[in-house]
Amino acid sequence: MGEPVVSGAASAGQRWIYFRAPWGMQFELVSFPDGKAYESDAETLLWHPARPAE
């Protein structure tokens, strides 16, 4: 449904794309390949799937 989009501002580094499944349902894939922009200078990080106990 288009090319991947790179976000800016508070969502800097976020990439997303919409696509349709073979049965017609629309999906959105979201990725932060380099982490979230706010995390670069934050003392407290939000939950991360690689570190669920933290």
PDB file of N, CA and C in Angstrom:
ATOM      1  N   MET A   1       0.836  -1.189   0.000  1.00  0.00           N
ATOM      2  CA  MET A   1       0.000   0.000   0.000  1.00  0.00           C
ATOM      3  C   MET A   1       0.875   1.245   0.000  1.00  0.00           C
ATOM      4  N   GLY A   2       2.133   1.088  -0.300  1.00  0.00           N
ATOM      5  CA  GLY A   2       3.045   2.214  -0.344  1.00  0.00           C
ATOM      6  C   GLY A   2       4.413   1.827   0.163  1.00  0.00           C
ATOM      7  N   GLU A   3       5.297   2.795   0.149  1.00  0.00           N
ATOM      8  CA  GLU A   3       6.659   2.597   0.629  1.00  0.00           C
ATOM      9  C   GLU A   3       6.723   2.826   2.137  1.00  0.00           C
ATOM     10  N   PRO A   4       7.728   2.269   2.804  1.00  0.00           N
ATOM     11  CA  PRO A   4       7.894   2.536   4.238  1.00  0.00           C
ATOM     12  C   PRO A   4       8.073   4.031   4.495  1.00  0.00           C
ATOM     13  N   VAL A   5       7.543   4.507   5.609  1.00  0.00           N
ATOM     14  CA  VAL A   5       7.601   5.916   5.985  1.00  0.00           C
ATOM     15  C   VAL A   5       8.489   6.047   7.218  1.00  0.00           C
ATOM     16  N   VAL A   6       9.345   7.071   7.236  1.00  0.00           N
ATOM     17  CA  VAL A   6      10.199   7.354   8.390  1.00  0.00           C
ATOM     18  C   VAL A   6       9.624   8.561   9.107  1.00  0.00           C
ATOM     19  N   SER A   7       9.335   8.415  10.399  1.00  0.00           N
ATOM     20  CA  SER A   7       8.746   9.493  11.185  1.00  0.00           C
ATOM     21  C   SER A   7       9.828  10.406  11.750  1.00  0.00           C
ATOM     22  N   GLY A   8       9.398  11.581  12.238  1.00  0.00           N
ATOM     23  CA  GLY A   8      10.307  12.534  12.843  1.00  0.00           C
ATOM     24  C   GLY A   8       9.778  12.983  14.191  1.00  0.00           C
ATOM     25  N   ALA A   9      10.339  14.068  14.731  1.00  0.00           N
ATOM     26  CA  ALA A   9       9.947  14.669  16.016  1.00  0.00           C
ATOM     27  C   ALA A   9      10.033  13.636  17.137  1.00  0.00           C
ATOM     28  N   ALA A  10       8.984  13.519  17.946  1.00  0.00           N
ATOM     29  CA  ALA A  10       8.994  12.603  19.096  1.00  0.00           C
ATOM     30  C   ALA A  10       9.112  11.148  18.670  1.00  0.00           C
ATOM     31  N   SER A  11       8.735  10.845  17.442  1.00  0.00           N
ATOM     32  CA  SER A  11       8.817   9.472  16.934  1.00  0.00           C
ATOM     33  C   SER A  11      10.000   9.280  15.993  1.00  0.00           C
ATOM     34  N   ALA A  12      11.017  10.114  16.127  1.00  0.00           N
ATOM     35  CA  ALA A  12      12.176  10.028  15.234  1.00  0.00           C
ATOM     36  C   ALA A  12      12.741   8.613  15.236  1.00  0.00           C
ATOM     37  N   GLY A  13      13.040   8.110  14.070  1.00  0.00           N
ATOM     38  CA  GLY A  13      13.577   6.763  13.939  1.00  0.00           C
ATOM     39  C   GLY A  13      12.531   5.704  13.695  1.00  0.00           C
ATOM     40  N   GLN A  14      11.275   6.035  13.894  1.00  0.00           N
ATOM     41  CA  GLN A  14      10.201   5.071  13.684  1.00  0.00           C
ATOM     42  C   GLN A  14       9.981   4.884  12.190  1.00  0.00           C
ATOM     43  N   ARG A  15       9.777   3.645  11.804  1.00  0.00           N
ATOM     44  CA  ARG A  15       9.430   3.338  10.413  1.00  0.00           C
ATOM     45  C   ARG A  15       8.138   2.543  10.431  1.00  0.00           C
ATOM     46  N   TRP A  16       7.270   2.815   9.470  1.00  0.00           N
ATOM     47  CA  TRP A  16       6.008   2.086   9.407  1.00  0.00           C
ATOM     48  C   TRP A  16       5.547   1.937   7.972  1.00  0.00           C
ATOM     49  N   ILE A  17       4.729   0.920   7.769  1.00  0.00           N
ATOM     50  CA  ILE A  17       4.172   0.647   6.449  1.00  0.00           C
ATOM     51  C   ILE A  17       2.824  -0.070   6.630  1.00  0.00           C
ATOM     52  N   TYR A  18       1.904   0.232   5.751  1.00  0.00           N
ATOM     53  CA  TYR A  18       0.603  -0.455   5.723  1.00  0.00           C
ATOM     54  C   TYR A  18       0.625  -1.487   4.604  1.00  0.00           C
ATOM     55  N   PHE A  19      -0.057  -2.601   4.834  1.00  0.00           N
ATOM     56  CA  PHE A  19      -0.183  -3.617   3.789  1.00  0.00           C
ATOM     57  C   PHE A  19      -1.470  -4.389   4.003  1.00  0.00           C
ATOM     58  N   ARG A  20      -1.882  -5.105   2.994  1.00  0.00           N
ATOM     59  CA  ARG A  20      -3.092  -5.923   3.079  1.00  0.00           C
ATOM     60  C   ARG A  20      -2.723  -7.401   3.042  1.00  0.00           C
ATOM     61  N   ALA A  21      -3.387  -8.167   3.888  1.00  0.00           N
ATOM     62  CA  ALA A  21      -3.236  -9.616   3.888  1.00  0.00           C
ATOM     63  C   ALA A  21      -3.937 -10.175   2.647  1.00  0.00           C
ATOM     64  N   PRO A  22      -3.609 -11.380   2.268  1.00  0.00           N
ATOM     65  CA  PRO A  22      -4.256 -11.971   1.093  1.00  0.00           C
ATOM     66  C   PRO A  22      -5.783 -11.996   1.190  1.00  0.00           C
ATOM     67  N   TRP A  23      -6.341 -12.026   2.420  1.00  0.00           N
ATOM     68  CA  TRP A  23      -7.795 -12.049   2.594  1.00  0.00           C
ATOM     69  C   TRP A  23      -8.395 -10.642   2.694  1.00  0.00           C
ATOM     70  N   GLY A  24      -7.558  -9.579   2.542  1.00  0.00           N
ATOM     71  CA  GLY A  24      -8.066  -8.217   2.470  1.00  0.00           C
ATOM     72  C   GLY A  24      -7.950  -7.378   3.729  1.00  0.00           C
ATOM     73  N   MET A  25      -7.548  -7.968   4.843  1.00  0.00           N
ATOM     74  CA  MET A  25      -7.431  -7.204   6.080  1.00  0.00           C
ATOM     75  C   MET A  25      -6.199  -6.297   6.031  1.00  0.00           C
ATOM     76  N   GLN A  26      -6.363  -5.051   6.494  1.00  0.00           N
ATOM     77  CA  GLN A  26      -5.263  -4.099   6.488  1.00  0.00           C
ATOM     78  C   GLN A  26      -4.433  -4.234   7.765  1.00  0.00           C
ATOM     79  N   PHE A  27      -3.113  -4.216   7.619  1.00  0.00           N
ATOM     80  CA  PHE A  27      -2.183  -4.297   8.744  1.00  0.00           C
ATOM     81  C   PHE A  27      -1.218  -3.122   8.708  1.00  0.00           C
ATOM     82  N   GLU A  28      -0.619  -2.840   9.857  1.00  0.00           N
ATOM     83  CA  GLU A  28       0.420  -1.828   9.961  1.00  0.00           C
ATOM     84  C   GLU A  28       1.602  -2.459  10.680  1.00  0.00           C
ATOM     85  N   LEU A  29       2.780  -2.383  10.086  1.00  0.00           N
ATOM     86  CA  LEU A  29       4.000  -2.827  10.736  1.00  0.00           C
ATOM     87  C   LEU A  29       4.746  -1.588  11.207  1.00  0.00           C
ATOM     88  N   VAL A  30       5.192  -1.591  12.456  1.00  0.00           N
ATOM     89  CA  VAL A  30       5.908  -0.458  13.031  1.00  0.00           C
ATOM     90  C   VAL A  30       7.239  -0.967  13.567  1.00  0.00           C
ATOM     91  N   SER A  31       8.299  -0.213  13.304  1.00  0.00           N
ATOM     92  CA  SER A  31       9.633  -0.613  13.739  1.00  0.00           C
ATOM     93  C   SER A  31      10.411   0.597  14.242  1.00  0.00           C
ATOM     94  N   PHE A  32      11.195   0.392  15.273  1.00  0.00           N
ATOM     95  CA  PHE A  32      12.145   1.381  15.791  1.00  0.00           C
ATOM     96  C   PHE A  32      13.514   0.717  15.730  1.00  0.00           C
ATOM     97  N   PRO A  33      14.120   0.574  14.549  1.00  0.00           N
ATOM     98  CA  PRO A  33      15.359  -0.196  14.422  1.00  0.00           C
ATOM     99  C   PRO A  33      16.530   0.335  15.248  1.00  0.00           C
ATOM    100  N   ASP A  34      16.558   1.617  15.537  1.00  0.00           N
ATOM    101  CA  ASP A  34      17.647   2.199  16.332  1.00  0.00           C
ATOM    102  C   ASP A  34      17.175   2.636  17.706  1.00  0.00           C
ATOM    103  N   GLY A  35      16.025   2.137  18.145  1.00  0.00           N
ATOM    104  CA  GLY A  35      15.457   2.545  19.421  1.00  0.00           C
ATOM    105  C   GLY A  35      14.605   3.797  19.260  1.00  0.00           C
ATOM    106  N   LYS A  36      13.916   4.169  20.321  1.00  0.00           N
ATOM    107  CA  LYS A  36      13.035   5.334  20.301  1.00  0.00           C
ATOM    108  C   LYS A  36      13.833   6.584  20.639  1.00  0.00           C
ATOM    109  N   ALA A  37      13.511   7.697  19.991  1.00  0.00           N
ATOM    110  CA  ALA A  37      14.267   8.939  20.148  1.00  0.00           C
ATOM    111  C   ALA A  37      14.337   9.390  21.603  1.00  0.00           C
ATOM    112  N   TYR A  38      13.251   9.289  22.368  1.00  0.00           N
ATOM    113  CA  TYR A  38      13.248   9.767  23.744  1.00  0.00           C
ATOM    114  C   TYR A  38      14.173   8.931  24.632  1.00  0.00           C
ATOM    115  N   GLU A  39      14.470   7.683  24.218  1.00  0.00           N
ATOM    116  CA  GLU A  39      15.304   6.820  25.044  1.00  0.00           C
ATOM    117  C   GLU A  39      16.775   7.231  25.055  1.00  0.00           C
ATOM    118  N   SER A  40      17.199   8.034  24.103  1.00  0.00           N
ATOM    119  CA  SER A  40      18.610   8.387  24.025  1.00  0.00           C
ATOM    120  C   SER A  40      19.070   9.235  25.210  1.00  0.00           C
ATOM    121  N   ASP A  41      18.150   9.981  25.831  1.00  0.00           N
ATOM    122  CA  ASP A  41      18.539  10.805  26.983  1.00  0.00           C
ATOM    123  C   ASP A  41      17.622  10.600  28.190  1.00  0.00           C
ATOM    124  N   ALA A  42      16.841   9.543  28.176  1.00  0.00           N
ATOM    125  CA  ALA A  42      15.915   9.279  29.287  1.00  0.00           C
ATOM    126  C   ALA A  42      16.603   8.447  30.366  1.00  0.00           C
ATOM    127  N   GLU A  43      16.327   8.763  31.605  1.00  0.00           N
ATOM    128  CA  GLU A  43      16.860   7.968  32.704  1.00  0.00           C
ATOM    129  C   GLU A  43      16.027   6.717  32.932  1.00  0.00           C
ATOM    130  N   THR A  44      14.725   6.818  32.709  1.00  0.00           N
ATOM    131  CA  THR A  44      13.822   5.700  32.891  1.00  0.00           C
ATOM    132  C   THR A  44      13.278   5.272  31.536  1.00  0.00           C
ATOM    133  N   LEU A  45      13.494   4.013  31.183  1.00  0.00           N
ATOM    134  CA  LEU A  45      13.002   3.495  29.913  1.00  0.00           C
ATOM    135  C   LEU A  45      11.697   2.756  30.150  1.00  0.00           C
ATOM    136  N   LEU A  46      10.832   2.801  29.157  1.00  0.00           N
ATOM    137  CA  LEU A  46       9.588   2.050  29.225  1.00  0.00           C
ATOM    138  C   LEU A  46       9.880   0.569  29.001  1.00  0.00           C
ATOM    139  N   TRP A  47       8.902  -0.259  29.190  1.00  0.00           N
ATOM    140  CA  TRP A  47       9.024  -1.700  29.015  1.00  0.00           C
ATOM    141  C   TRP A  47       9.598  -2.028  27.649  1.00  0.00           C
ATOM    142  N   HIS A  48      10.454  -3.061  27.622  1.00  0.00           N
ATOM    143  CA  HIS A  48      11.052  -3.515  26.369  1.00  0.00           C
ATOM    144  C   HIS A  48      10.911  -5.028  26.323  1.00  0.00           C
ATOM    145  N   PRO A  49      10.501  -5.597  25.189  1.00  0.00           N
ATOM    146  CA  PRO A  49      10.282  -7.045  25.132  1.00  0.00           C
ATOM    147  C   PRO A  49      11.545  -7.857  25.377  1.00  0.00           C
ATOM    148  N   ALA A  50      12.718  -7.297  25.115  1.00  0.00           N
ATOM    149  CA  ALA A  50      13.961  -8.033  25.356  1.00  0.00           C
ATOM    150  C   ALA A  50      14.331  -8.044  26.839  1.00  0.00           C
ATOM    151  N   ARG A  51      13.727  -7.109  27.626  1.00  0.00           N
ATOM    152  CA  ARG A  51      14.014  -7.010  29.058  1.00  0.00           C
ATOM    153  C   ARG A  51      12.708  -6.877  29.841  1.00  0.00           C
ATOM    154  N   PRO A  52      11.842  -7.886  29.799  1.00  0.00           N
ATOM    155  CA  PRO A  52      10.519  -7.751  30.426  1.00  0.00           C
ATOM    156  C   PRO A  52      10.540  -7.583  31.943  1.00  0.00           C
ATOM    157  N   ALA A  53      11.581  -8.041  32.607  1.00  0.00           N
ATOM    158  CA  ALA A  53      11.625  -7.957  34.068  1.00  0.00           C
ATOM    159  C   ALA A  53      12.072  -6.584  34.570  1.00  0.00           C
ATOM    160  N   GLU A  54      12.645  -5.774  33.696  1.00  0.00           N
ATOM    161  CA  GLU A  54      13.143  -4.458  34.111  1.00  0.00           C
ATOM    162  C   GLU A  54      12.040  -3.440  34.217  1.00  0.00           C
TER     163      GLU A  54
END
